[in-house]
Amino acid sequence: MDLQDLLNQGPEGEGKKKTDSPLLSLKTDLDFYKESIQEVSAEMMAEGYTLYPIFVAHQHQVDLGEMILDRGELNTQWSIQASSLEEFVDRGIIKEDRKAYFEKQFKPANDFMCLFVVVPEGANFVFYPYA
């Protein structure tokens, strides 16, 4: 799923007041963060930590990965934590029997950041291009 797909998903039900999606602020922050995220991704792969870097985007407290971009320190709306497919499997977020499927769906890490976007309604994987 691409970020634009999430942005285009409207609320269910027509009677709800339309509000701006928090994902709009995520896009703004990702455009600001993308060089830093790309550098961390390249380091994670070059150092043999993982071939599948995953970046957890959230606005609250998440106990997953290591904080690399703190919204409080950077005066932004989203924090980013660096993680990996291996940690997601170890923690049971991705089941062992779905690991091969995830690897097959994973977009090239040199061109896309893999985000695990956590919002109050749930979480989802999104691939966002660096360019």
Protein backbone atom coordinates (compact mmCIF):
# COMPACT_ATOMS: atom_id res chain seq x y z
CA MET A 1 0.00 0.00 0.00
CA ASP A 2 1.23 3.48 -0.82
CA LEU A 3 0.71 6.51 1.41
CA GLN A 4 -1.55 8.07 -1.23
CA ASP A 5 -3.87 5.06 -0.96
CA LEU A 6 -4.32 5.72 2.75
CA LEU A 7 -4.81 9.44 2.18
CA ASN A 8 -7.57 8.72 -0.34
CA GLN A 9 -9.51 6.45 2.01
CA GLY A 10 -12.45 8.40 3.34
CA PRO A 11 -14.27 7.81 6.60
CA GLU A 12 -16.98 5.21 6.48
CA GLY A 13 -20.44 6.71 6.54
CA GLU A 14 -21.55 9.91 4.89
CA GLY A 15 -22.85 11.70 7.99
CA LYS A 16 -19.44 12.37 9.54
CA LYS A 17 -17.84 15.79 9.52
CA LYS A 18 -14.84 15.78 7.19
CA THR A 19 -11.56 16.51 8.96
CA ASP A 20 -8.01 16.51 7.68
CA SER A 21 -6.35 13.15 7.98
CA PRO A 22 -3.38 12.97 10.33
CA LEU A 23 -1.65 11.25 7.43
CA LEU A 24 -1.37 14.64 5.68
CA SER A 25 0.96 15.76 8.47
CA LEU A 26 2.84 12.45 8.11
CA LYS A 27 3.51 13.21 4.45
CA THR A 28 4.85 16.65 5.42
CA ASP A 29 7.10 15.14 8.09
CA LEU A 30 8.32 12.34 5.80
CA ASP A 31 9.35 14.88 3.18
CA PHE A 32 11.33 16.63 5.94
CA TYR A 33 12.79 13.37 7.34
CA LYS A 34 13.43 11.35 4.18
CA GLU A 35 17.17 12.03 3.81
CA SER A 36 17.78 11.02 7.42
CA ILE A 37 15.63 7.91 7.09
CA GLN A 38 17.37 6.91 3.86
CA GLU A 39 20.77 7.29 5.53
CA VAL A 40 19.72 5.13 8.50
CA SER A 41 18.26 2.54 6.13
CA ALA A 42 21.50 2.35 4.14
CA GLU A 43 23.54 2.01 7.35
CA MET A 44 21.30 -0.78 8.66
CA MET A 45 21.79 -2.74 5.45
CA ALA A 46 25.51 -1.98 5.03
CA GLU A 47 26.26 -3.07 8.60
CA GLY A 48 24.39 -6.34 8.11
CA TYR A 49 21.71 -5.52 10.65
CA THR A 50 18.89 -6.26 8.19
CA LEU A 51 18.01 -6.33 4.52
CA TYR A 52 14.50 -5.21 5.45
CA PRO A 53 14.54 -1.96 7.45
CA ILE A 54 11.15 -0.88 8.78
CA PHE A 55 10.45 2.58 10.18
CA VAL A 56 7.71 2.94 12.76
CA ALA A 57 5.83 6.25 12.40
CA HIS A 58 3.71 7.30 15.37
CA GLN A 59 2.41 10.25 17.35
CA HIS A 60 2.32 8.54 20.72
CA GLN A 61 4.53 6.09 22.62
CA VAL A 62 5.49 2.91 20.79
CA ASP A 63 7.75 0.22 22.23
CA LEU A 64 9.20 -1.03 18.97
CA GLY A 65 12.56 -0.29 17.39
CA GLU A 66 14.91 2.53 18.30
CA MET A 67 13.95 6.21 18.24
CA ILE A 68 15.77 8.06 15.47
CA LEU A 69 13.60 11.14 14.90
CA ASP A 70 11.71 12.49 17.92
CA ARG A 71 8.83 14.84 17.16
CA GLY A 72 9.31 16.60 20.51
CA GLU A 73 12.91 17.47 19.71
CA LEU A 74 12.30 18.31 16.05
CA ASN A 75 9.05 20.28 16.48
CA THR A 76 7.22 17.97 14.06
CA GLN A 77 4.06 15.89 14.46
CA TRP A 78 5.41 12.36 13.93
CA SER A 79 8.22 10.40 15.56
CA ILE A 80 10.14 7.71 13.67
CA GLN A 81 11.74 4.60 15.15
CA ALA A 82 14.04 2.27 13.25
CA SER A 83 13.27 -1.43 13.31
CA SER A 84 13.58 -4.48 11.07
CA LEU A 85 11.66 -7.40 9.69
CA GLU A 86 13.54 -9.60 12.14
CA GLU A 87 12.26 -7.61 15.15
CA PHE A 88 8.71 -7.66 13.76
CA VAL A 89 8.91 -11.46 13.46
CA ASP A 90 10.50 -11.83 16.93
CA ARG A 91 7.70 -9.74 18.44
CA GLY A 92 4.97 -11.62 16.58
CA ILE A 93 3.77 -8.59 14.59
CA ILE A 94 4.60 -10.51 11.43
CA LYS A 95 3.99 -14.22 11.81
CA GLU A 96 6.85 -16.54 10.87
CA ASP A 97 4.74 -18.17 8.17
CA ARG A 98 4.11 -14.73 6.56
CA LYS A 99 7.76 -13.66 6.56
CA ALA A 100 8.51 -14.93 3.02
CA TYR A 101 5.40 -13.18 1.70
CA PHE A 102 6.48 -9.91 3.35
CA GLU A 103 9.98 -10.22 1.87
CA LYS A 104 8.48 -10.75 -1.58
CA GLN A 105 6.26 -7.66 -1.24
CA PHE A 106 9.05 -5.49 0.17
CA LYS A 107 9.97 -2.68 -2.24
CA PRO A 108 13.67 -1.85 -2.87
CA ALA A 109 14.97 -0.25 0.32
CA ASN A 110 17.26 2.07 -1.64
CA ASP A 111 14.22 3.64 -3.34
CA PHE A 112 11.42 3.31 -0.76
CA MET A 113 11.12 3.55 3.00
CA CYS A 114 8.98 0.86 4.55
CA LEU A 115 6.79 2.48 7.18
CA PHE A 116 4.68 0.87 9.85
CA VAL A 117 2.23 3.69 10.48
CA VAL A 118 0.59 3.53 13.91
CA VAL A 119 -2.60 5.54 14.48
CA PRO A 120 -5.31 5.15 17.15
CA GLU A 121 -7.46 3.17 14.69
CA GLY A 122 -4.70 0.62 14.05
CA ALA A 123 -1.51 0.22 12.05
CA ASN A 124 -0.54 -0.52 8.48
CA PHE A 125 2.52 -0.93 6.29
CA VAL A 126 3.16 1.78 3.70
CA PHE A 127 5.98 2.17 1.18
CA TYR A 128 6.95 5.81 0.61
CA PRO A 129 9.42 6.80 -2.12
CA TYR A 130 12.58 8.72 -1.24
CA ALA A 131 12.46 10.59 -4.56
